[in-house]
Amino acid sequence: MSQRPRLGTDSAGSVRAVWFDSRAADWRWKVFTAQFDPQTGWSPEKQLTAAGNATYPAVSGGAVVFTSDRNAAGQRDGTQQAFLTMADG
């Protein structure tokens, strides 16, 4: 169920992938990340987001931006906000 993978760099200059998918324990869309190491390949995925649905991530310099409905008033509330988190912090 992975969607919209994006590649960028983390704060050390390594290649990092971010994407969203629904493998989280609560079925909602969450943002995940993995880092590429030329010696060992891709790291195991790490979930970056928790509350609400999180979609359309982008990554640069270790900073990940994404949209989320985490502050919406209810399931049918279309409120979306942009959030920032660090992938390697």
PDB file of N, CA and C in Angstrom:
ATOM      1  N   MET A   1       0.808  -1.206   0.000  1.00  0.00           N
ATOM      2  CA  MET A   1       0.000   0.000   0.000  1.00  0.00           C
ATOM      3  C   MET A   1       0.849   1.267   0.000  1.00  0.00           C
ATOM      4  N   SER A   2       2.111   1.169  -0.327  1.00  0.00           N
ATOM      5  CA  SER A   2       2.974   2.346  -0.363  1.00  0.00           C
ATOM      6  C   SER A   2       2.566   3.278  -1.495  1.00  0.00           C
ATOM      7  N   GLN A   3       2.622   4.580  -1.216  1.00  0.00           N
ATOM      8  CA  GLN A   3       2.222   5.601  -2.175  1.00  0.00           C
ATOM      9  C   GLN A   3       3.234   6.732  -2.214  1.00  0.00           C
ATOM     10  N   ARG A   4       3.415   7.307  -3.377  1.00  0.00           N
ATOM     11  CA  ARG A   4       4.158   8.552  -3.584  1.00  0.00           C
ATOM     12  C   ARG A   4       5.566   8.577  -2.974  1.00  0.00           C
ATOM     13  N   PRO A   5       6.420   7.628  -3.310  1.00  0.00           N
ATOM     14  CA  PRO A   5       7.784   7.667  -2.760  1.00  0.00           C
ATOM     15  C   PRO A   5       8.538   8.887  -3.292  1.00  0.00           C
ATOM     16  N   ARG A   6       9.339   9.461  -2.436  1.00  0.00           N
ATOM     17  CA  ARG A   6      10.183  10.599  -2.794  1.00  0.00           C
ATOM     18  C   ARG A   6      11.580  10.350  -2.255  1.00  0.00           C
ATOM     19  N   LEU A   7      12.584  10.750  -3.018  1.00  0.00           N
ATOM     20  CA  LEU A   7      13.972  10.638  -2.585  1.00  0.00           C
ATOM     21  C   LEU A   7      14.535  12.009  -2.309  1.00  0.00           C
ATOM     22  N   GLY A   8      15.409  12.085  -1.322  1.00  0.00           N
ATOM     23  CA  GLY A   8      16.103  13.312  -0.976  1.00  0.00           C
ATOM     24  C   GLY A   8      17.352  12.938  -0.205  1.00  0.00           C
ATOM     25  N   THR A   9      17.893  13.898   0.477  1.00  0.00           N
ATOM     26  CA  THR A   9      19.075  13.647   1.295  1.00  0.00           C
ATOM     27  C   THR A   9      18.752  13.941   2.750  1.00  0.00           C
ATOM     28  N   ASP A  10      19.495  13.278   3.649  1.00  0.00           N
ATOM     29  CA  ASP A  10      19.329  13.608   5.056  1.00  0.00           C
ATOM     30  C   ASP A  10      20.411  14.605   5.448  1.00  0.00           C
ATOM     31  N   SER A  11      20.505  14.943   6.713  1.00  0.00           N
ATOM     32  CA  SER A  11      21.432  15.995   7.139  1.00  0.00           C
ATOM     33  C   SER A  11      22.902  15.625   6.918  1.00  0.00           C
ATOM     34  N   ALA A  12      23.215  14.330   6.791  1.00  0.00           N
ATOM     35  CA  ALA A  12      24.592  13.890   6.530  1.00  0.00           C
ATOM     36  C   ALA A  12      24.863  13.739   5.037  1.00  0.00           C
ATOM     37  N   GLY A  13      23.856  13.994   4.205  1.00  0.00           N
ATOM     38  CA  GLY A  13      24.016  13.887   2.766  1.00  0.00           C
ATOM     39  C   GLY A  13      23.703  12.516   2.205  1.00  0.00           C
ATOM     40  N   SER A  14      23.238  11.583   3.027  1.00  0.00           N
ATOM     41  CA  SER A  14      22.872  10.248   2.559  1.00  0.00           C
ATOM     42  C   SER A  14      21.511  10.283   1.868  1.00  0.00           C
ATOM     43  N   VAL A  15      21.297   9.356   0.954  1.00  0.00           N
ATOM     44  CA  VAL A  15      20.014   9.262   0.263  1.00  0.00           C
ATOM     45  C   VAL A  15      18.964   8.725   1.228  1.00  0.00           C
ATOM     46  N   ARG A  16      17.817   9.375   1.231  1.00  0.00           N
ATOM     47  CA  ARG A  16      16.714   8.980   2.102  1.00  0.00           C
ATOM     48  C   ARG A  16      15.438   8.931   1.268  1.00  0.00           C
ATOM     49  N   ALA A  17      14.624   7.928   1.514  1.00  0.00           N
ATOM     50  CA  ALA A  17      13.314   7.805   0.872  1.00  0.00           C
ATOM     51  C   ALA A  17      12.232   8.093   1.905  1.00  0.00           C
ATOM     52  N   VAL A  18      11.170   8.751   1.474  1.00  0.00           N
ATOM     53  CA  VAL A  18       9.973   8.932   2.294  1.00  0.00           C
ATOM     54  C   VAL A  18       8.780   8.530   1.438  1.00  0.00           C
ATOM     55  N   TRP A  19       7.741   8.024   2.078  1.00  0.00           N
ATOM     56  CA  TRP A  19       6.523   7.622   1.389  1.00  0.00           C
ATOM     57  C   TRP A  19       5.408   7.520   2.419  1.00  0.00           C
ATOM     58  N   PHE A  20       4.172   7.353   1.954  1.00  0.00           N
ATOM     59  CA  PHE A  20       3.096   7.081   2.900  1.00  0.00           C
ATOM     60  C   PHE A  20       2.425   5.766   2.533  1.00  0.00           C
ATOM     61  N   ASP A  21       1.962   5.060   3.547  1.00  0.00           N
ATOM     62  CA  ASP A  21       1.207   3.831   3.325  1.00  0.00           C
ATOM     63  C   ASP A  21       0.352   3.511   4.535  1.00  0.00           C
ATOM     64  N   SER A  22      -0.470   2.483   4.405  1.00  0.00           N
ATOM     65  CA  SER A  22      -1.468   2.184   5.435  1.00  0.00           C
ATOM     66  C   SER A  22      -1.102   0.979   6.292  1.00  0.00           C
ATOM     67  N   ARG A  23       0.184   0.661   6.420  1.00  0.00           N
ATOM     68  CA  ARG A  23       0.601  -0.484   7.233  1.00  0.00           C
ATOM     69  C   ARG A  23       0.595  -0.197   8.727  1.00  0.00           C
ATOM     70  N   ALA A  24       0.258   0.995   9.131  1.00  0.00           N
ATOM     71  CA  ALA A  24       0.266   1.343  10.551  1.00  0.00           C
ATOM     72  C   ALA A  24      -0.793   0.542  11.306  1.00  0.00           C
ATOM     73  N   ALA A  25      -0.619   0.432  12.599  1.00  0.00           N
ATOM     74  CA  ALA A  25      -1.510  -0.365  13.446  1.00  0.00           C
ATOM     75  C   ALA A  25      -2.964   0.124  13.412  1.00  0.00           C
ATOM     76  N   ASP A  26      -3.199   1.400  13.128  1.00  0.00           N
ATOM     77  CA  ASP A  26      -4.564   1.933  13.149  1.00  0.00           C
ATOM     78  C   ASP A  26      -5.157   2.131  11.747  1.00  0.00           C
ATOM     79  N   TRP A  27      -4.584   1.524  10.710  1.00  0.00           N
ATOM     80  CA  TRP A  27      -5.019   1.555   9.320  1.00  0.00           C
ATOM     81  C   TRP A  27      -4.866   2.904   8.631  1.00  0.00           C
ATOM     82  N   ARG A  28      -4.608   3.965   9.363  1.00  0.00           N
ATOM     83  CA  ARG A  28      -4.508   5.290   8.734  1.00  0.00           C
ATOM     84  C   ARG A  28      -3.205   5.409   7.947  1.00  0.00           C
ATOM     85  N   TRP A  29      -3.188   6.352   7.007  1.00  0.00           N
ATOM     86  CA  TRP A  29      -1.988   6.629   6.230  1.00  0.00           C
ATOM     87  C   TRP A  29      -0.938   7.258   7.134  1.00  0.00           C
ATOM     88  N   LYS A  30       0.259   6.732   7.114  1.00  0.00           N
ATOM     89  CA  LYS A  30       1.385   7.250   7.896  1.00  0.00           C
ATOM     90  C   LYS A  30       2.567   7.467   6.967  1.00  0.00           C
ATOM     91  N   VAL A  31       3.459   8.366   7.366  1.00  0.00           N
ATOM     92  CA  VAL A  31       4.679   8.609   6.604  1.00  0.00           C
ATOM     93  C   VAL A  31       5.794   7.733   7.172  1.00  0.00           C
ATOM     94  N   PHE A  32       6.502   7.075   6.269  1.00  0.00           N
ATOM     95  CA  PHE A  32       7.627   6.214   6.618  1.00  0.00           C
ATOM     96  C   PHE A  32       8.884   6.724   5.935  1.00  0.00           C
ATOM     97  N   THR A  33      10.040   6.296   6.432  1.00  0.00           N
ATOM     98  CA  THR A  33      11.315   6.655   5.829  1.00  0.00           C
ATOM     99  C   THR A  33      12.274   5.482   5.893  1.00  0.00           C
ATOM    100  N   ALA A  34      13.256   5.485   5.006  1.00  0.00           N
ATOM    101  CA  ALA A  34      14.367   4.534   5.024  1.00  0.00           C
ATOM    102  C   ALA A  34      15.579   5.258   4.453  1.00  0.00           C
ATOM    103  N   GLN A  35      16.752   4.860   4.879  1.00  0.00           N
ATOM    104  CA  GLN A  35      18.005   5.485   4.460  1.00  0.00           C
ATOM    105  C   GLN A  35      18.826   4.476   3.669  1.00  0.00           C
ATOM    106  N   PHE A  36      19.488   4.953   2.622  1.00  0.00           N
ATOM    107  CA  PHE A  36      20.307   4.078   1.797  1.00  0.00           C
ATOM    108  C   PHE A  36      21.769   4.168   2.208  1.00  0.00           C
ATOM    109  N   ASP A  37      22.375   3.007   2.443  1.00  0.00           N
ATOM    110  CA  ASP A  37      23.805   2.906   2.737  1.00  0.00           C
ATOM    111  C   ASP A  37      24.437   2.125   1.590  1.00  0.00           C
ATOM    112  N   PRO A  38      25.444   2.686   0.921  1.00  0.00           N
ATOM    113  CA  PRO A  38      26.057   1.995  -0.221  1.00  0.00           C
ATOM    114  C   PRO A  38      26.620   0.614   0.128  1.00  0.00           C
ATOM    115  N   GLN A  39      26.995   0.401   1.374  1.00  0.00           N
ATOM    116  CA  GLN A  39      27.566  -0.878   1.790  1.00  0.00           C
ATOM    117  C   GLN A  39      26.508  -1.931   2.129  1.00  0.00           C
ATOM    118  N   THR A  40      25.420  -1.509   2.748  1.00  0.00           N
ATOM    119  CA  THR A  40      24.422  -2.474   3.245  1.00  0.00           C
ATOM    120  C   THR A  40      23.055  -2.369   2.579  1.00  0.00           C
ATOM    121  N   GLY A  41      22.822  -1.367   1.760  1.00  0.00           N
ATOM    122  CA  GLY A  41      21.524  -1.181   1.104  1.00  0.00           C
ATOM    123  C   GLY A  41      20.571  -0.361   1.956  1.00  0.00           C
ATOM    124  N   TRP A  42      19.278  -0.590   1.781  1.00  0.00           N
ATOM    125  CA  TRP A  42      18.255   0.198   2.467  1.00  0.00           C
ATOM    126  C   TRP A  42      18.068  -0.268   3.906  1.00  0.00           C
ATOM    127  N   SER A  43      17.912   0.680   4.796  1.00  0.00           N
ATOM    128  CA  SER A  43      17.620   0.382   6.200  1.00  0.00           C
ATOM    129  C   SER A  43      16.169  -0.082   6.320  1.00  0.00           C
ATOM    130  N   PRO A  44      15.822  -0.707   7.437  1.00  0.00           N
ATOM    131  CA  PRO A  44      14.403  -1.022   7.669  1.00  0.00           C
ATOM    132  C   PRO A  44      13.591   0.279   7.736  1.00  0.00           C
ATOM    133  N   GLU A  45      12.335   0.212   7.323  1.00  0.00           N
ATOM    134  CA  GLU A  45      11.502   1.417   7.361  1.00  0.00           C
ATOM    135  C   GLU A  45      11.248   1.841   8.798  1.00  0.00           C
ATOM    136  N   LYS A  46      11.073   3.154   8.942  1.00  0.00           N
ATOM    137  CA  LYS A  46      10.775   3.748  10.245  1.00  0.00           C
ATOM    138  C   LYS A  46       9.549   4.639  10.065  1.00  0.00           C
ATOM    139  N   GLN A  47       8.553   4.470  10.913  1.00  0.00           N
ATOM    140  CA  GLN A  47       7.359   5.302  10.852  1.00  0.00           C
ATOM    141  C   GLN A  47       7.668   6.651  11.477  1.00  0.00           C
ATOM    142  N   LEU A  48       7.347   7.739  10.750  1.00  0.00           N
ATOM    143  CA  LEU A  48       7.643   9.095  11.231  1.00  0.00           C
ATOM    144  C   LEU A  48       6.450   9.798  11.856  1.00  0.00           C
ATOM    145  N   THR A  49       5.244   9.415  11.497  1.00  0.00           N
ATOM    146  CA  THR A  49       4.063  10.138  11.954  1.00  0.00           C
ATOM    147  C   THR A  49       3.189   9.240  12.816  1.00  0.00           C
ATOM    148  N   ALA A  50       2.334   9.870  13.622  1.00  0.00           N
ATOM    149  CA  ALA A  50       1.484   9.099  14.526  1.00  0.00           C
ATOM    150  C   ALA A  50       0.014   9.467  14.348  1.00  0.00           C
ATOM    151  N   ALA A  51      -0.417  10.561  14.898  1.00  0.00           N
ATOM    152  CA  ALA A  51      -1.846  10.917  14.910  1.00  0.00           C
ATOM    153  C   ALA A  51      -2.370  11.265  13.522  1.00  0.00           C
ATOM    154  N   GLY A  52      -3.587  10.800  13.218  1.00  0.00           N
ATOM    155  CA  GLY A  52      -4.258  11.170  11.974  1.00  0.00           C
ATOM    156  C   GLY A  52      -3.639  10.551  10.737  1.00  0.00           C
ATOM    157  N   ASN A  53      -4.219  10.871   9.591  1.00  0.00           N
ATOM    158  CA  ASN A  53      -3.674  10.472   8.305  1.00  0.00           C
ATOM    159  C   ASN A  53      -2.553  11.427   7.939  1.00  0.00           C
ATOM    160  N   ALA A  54      -1.495  10.921   7.347  1.00  0.00           N
ATOM    161  CA  ALA A  54      -0.372  11.747   6.896  1.00  0.00           C
ATOM    162  C   ALA A  54      -0.035  11.342   5.465  1.00  0.00           C
ATOM    163  N   THR A  55       0.025  12.320   4.573  1.00  0.00           N
ATOM    164  CA  THR A  55       0.215  12.019   3.159  1.00  0.00           C
ATOM    165  C   THR A  55       1.159  13.014   2.495  1.00  0.00           C
ATOM    166  N   TYR A  56       1.553  12.701   1.273  1.00  0.00           N
ATOM    167  CA  TYR A  56       2.344  13.545   0.377  1.00  0.00           C
ATOM    168  C   TYR A  56       3.620  14.106   1.015  1.00  0.00           C
ATOM    169  N   PRO A  57       4.504  13.243   1.517  1.00  0.00           N
ATOM    170  CA  PRO A  57       5.738  13.728   2.120  1.00  0.00           C
ATOM    171  C   PRO A  57       6.770  14.147   1.070  1.00  0.00           C
ATOM    172  N   ALA A  58       7.665  15.005   1.496  1.00  0.00           N
ATOM    173  CA  ALA A  58       8.850  15.394   0.731  1.00  0.00           C
ATOM    174  C   ALA A  58       9.991  15.503   1.732  1.00  0.00           C
ATOM    175  N   VAL A  59      11.233  15.288   1.263  1.00  0.00           N
ATOM    176  CA  VAL A  59      12.388  15.284   2.164  1.00  0.00           C
ATOM    177  C   VAL A  59      13.535  16.075   1.558  1.00  0.00           C
ATOM    178  N   SER A  60      14.229  16.815   2.414  1.00  0.00           N
ATOM    179  CA  SER A  60      15.432  17.539   2.020  1.00  0.00           C
ATOM    180  C   SER A  60      16.225  17.880   3.271  1.00  0.00           C
ATOM    181  N   GLY A  61      17.502  17.548   3.287  1.00  0.00           N
ATOM    182  CA  GLY A  61      18.359  17.876   4.419  1.00  0.00           C
ATOM    183  C   GLY A  61      17.910  17.239   5.722  1.00  0.00           C
ATOM    184  N   GLY A  62      17.195  16.133   5.640  1.00  0.00           N
ATOM    185  CA  GLY A  62      16.700  15.467   6.845  1.00  0.00           C
ATOM    186  C   GLY A  62      15.352  15.967   7.310  1.00  0.00           C
ATOM    187  N   ALA A  63      14.888  17.078   6.760  1.00  0.00           N
ATOM    188  CA  ALA A  63      13.570  17.613   7.112  1.00  0.00           C
ATOM    189  C   ALA A  63      12.513  16.972   6.220  1.00  0.00           C
ATOM    190  N   VAL A  64      11.426  16.508   6.826  1.00  0.00           N
ATOM    191  CA  VAL A  64      10.324  15.907   6.086  1.00  0.00           C
ATOM    192  C   VAL A  64       9.085  16.756   6.307  1.00  0.00           C
ATOM    193  N   VAL A  65       8.465  17.187   5.217  1.00  0.00           N
ATOM    194  CA  VAL A  65       7.189  17.901   5.295  1.00  0.00           C
ATOM    195  C   VAL A  65       6.105  16.970   4.769  1.00  0.00           C
ATOM    196  N   PHE A  66       4.900  17.090   5.309  1.00  0.00           N
ATOM    197  CA  PHE A  66       3.784  16.245   4.908  1.00  0.00           C
ATOM    198  C   PHE A  66       2.487  16.939   5.270  1.00  0.00           C
ATOM    199  N   THR A  67       1.388  16.494   4.680  1.00  0.00           N
ATOM    200  CA  THR A  67       0.075  17.007   5.049  1.00  0.00           C
ATOM    201  C   THR A  67      -0.600  16.014   5.979  1.00  0.00           C
ATOM    202  N   SER A  68      -1.486  16.520   6.838  1.00  0.00           N
ATOM    203  CA  SER A  68      -2.187  15.650   7.766  1.00  0.00           C
ATOM    204  C   SER A  68      -3.529  16.259   8.166  1.00  0.00           C
ATOM    205  N   ASP A  69      -4.451  15.360   8.523  1.00  0.00           N
ATOM    206  CA  ASP A  69      -5.753  15.784   9.053  1.00  0.00           C
ATOM    207  C   ASP A  69      -5.804  15.624  10.571  1.00  0.00           C
ATOM    208  N   ARG A  70      -4.649  15.536  11.226  1.00  0.00           N
ATOM    209  CA  ARG A  70      -4.600  15.228  12.665  1.00  0.00           C
ATOM    210  C   ARG A  70      -5.347  16.224  13.543  1.00  0.00           C
ATOM    211  N   ASN A  71      -5.538  17.456  13.091  1.00  0.00           N
ATOM    212  CA  ASN A  71      -6.267  18.443  13.893  1.00  0.00           C
ATOM    213  C   ASN A  71      -7.684  18.681  13.387  1.00  0.00           C
ATOM    214  N   ALA A  72      -8.173  17.825  12.509  1.00  0.00           N
ATOM    215  CA  ALA A  72      -9.539  17.953  11.998  1.00  0.00           C
ATOM    216  C   ALA A  72     -10.540  17.669  13.118  1.00  0.00           C
ATOM    217  N   ALA A  73     -11.721  18.248  12.998  1.00  0.00           N
ATOM    218  CA  ALA A  73     -12.750  18.102  14.040  1.00  0.00           C
ATOM    219  C   ALA A  73     -13.428  16.739  14.016  1.00  0.00           C
ATOM    220  N   GLY A  74     -13.333  16.012  12.922  1.00  0.00           N
ATOM    221  CA  GLY A  74     -13.970  14.700  12.825  1.00  0.00           C
ATOM    222  C   GLY A  74     -13.636  14.046  11.500  1.00  0.00           C
ATOM    223  N   GLN A  75     -14.182  12.881  11.265  1.00  0.00           N
ATOM    224  CA  GLN A  75     -13.838  12.102  10.083  1.00  0.00           C
ATOM    225  C   GLN A  75     -14.191  12.811   8.776  1.00  0.00           C
ATOM    226  N   ARG A  76     -15.251  13.552   8.726  1.00  0.00           N
ATOM    227  CA  ARG A  76     -15.672  14.207   7.486  1.00  0.00           C
ATOM    228  C   ARG A  76     -15.152  15.640   7.358  1.00  0.00           C
ATOM    229  N   ASP A  77     -14.418  16.110   8.333  1.00  0.00           N
ATOM    230  CA  ASP A  77     -13.808  17.443   8.294  1.00  0.00           C
ATOM    231  C   ASP A  77     -12.637  17.398   7.310  1.00  0.00           C
ATOM    232  N   GLY A  78     -12.668  18.234   6.309  1.00  0.00           N
ATOM    233  CA  GLY A  78     -11.629  18.245   5.272  1.00  0.00           C
ATOM    234  C   GLY A  78     -10.383  19.037   5.625  1.00  0.00           C
ATOM    235  N   THR A  79     -10.245  19.452   6.877  1.00  0.00           N
ATOM    236  CA  THR A  79      -9.091  20.252   7.286  1.00  0.00           C
ATOM    237  C   THR A  79      -7.790  19.499   7.052  1.00  0.00           C
ATOM    238  N   GLN A  80      -6.854  20.120   6.363  1.00  0.00           N
ATOM    239  CA  GLN A  80      -5.512  19.582   6.163  1.00  0.00           C
ATOM    240  C   GLN A  80      -4.515  20.657   6.572  1.00  0.00           C
ATOM    241  N   GLN A  81      -3.429  20.248   7.166  1.00  0.00           N
ATOM    242  CA  GLN A  81      -2.369  21.160   7.539  1.00  0.00           C
ATOM    243  C   GLN A  81      -1.042  20.578   7.083  1.00  0.00           C
ATOM    244  N   ALA A  82      -0.041  21.436   6.936  1.00  0.00           N
ATOM    245  CA  ALA A  82       1.312  20.996   6.605  1.00  0.00           C
ATOM    246  C   ALA A  82       2.100  20.898   7.904  1.00  0.00           C
ATOM    247  N   PHE A  83       2.902  19.848   8.039  1.00  0.00           N
ATOM    248  CA  PHE A  83       3.716  19.610   9.223  1.00  0.00           C
ATOM    249  C   PHE A  83       5.159  19.357   8.810  1.00  0.00           C
ATOM    250  N   LEU A  84       6.063  19.583   9.750  1.00  0.00           N
ATOM    251  CA  LEU A  84       7.499  19.371   9.549  1.00  0.00           C
ATOM    252  C   LEU A  84       8.007  18.488  10.663  1.00  0.00           C
ATOM    253  N   THR A  85       8.807  17.479  10.298  1.00  0.00           N
ATOM    254  CA  THR A  85       9.490  16.628  11.271  1.00  0.00           C
ATOM    255  C   THR A  85      10.872  16.312  10.727  1.00  0.00           C
ATOM    256  N   MET A  86      11.745  15.816  11.558  1.00  0.00           N
ATOM    257  CA  MET A  86      13.086  15.440  11.122  1.00  0.00           C
ATOM    258  C   MET A  86      13.167  13.922  10.956  1.00  0.00           C
ATOM    259  N   ALA A  87      13.695  13.478   9.839  1.00  0.00           N
ATOM    260  CA  ALA A  87      13.793  12.046   9.552  1.00  0.00           C
ATOM    261  C   ALA A  87      14.944  11.387  10.298  1.00  0.00           C
ATOM    262  N   ASP A  88      15.944  12.161  10.608  1.00  0.00           N
ATOM    263  CA  ASP A  88      17.146  11.564  11.203  1.00  0.00           C
ATOM    264  C   ASP A  88      17.437  12.149  12.579  1.00  0.00           C
ATOM    265  N   GLY A  89      16.372  12.461  13.308  1.00  0.00           N
ATOM    266  CA  GLY A  89      16.583  13.075  14.596  1.00  0.00           C
ATOM    267  C   GLY A  89      15.936  12.425  15.722  1.00  0.00           C
TER     268      GLY A  89
END
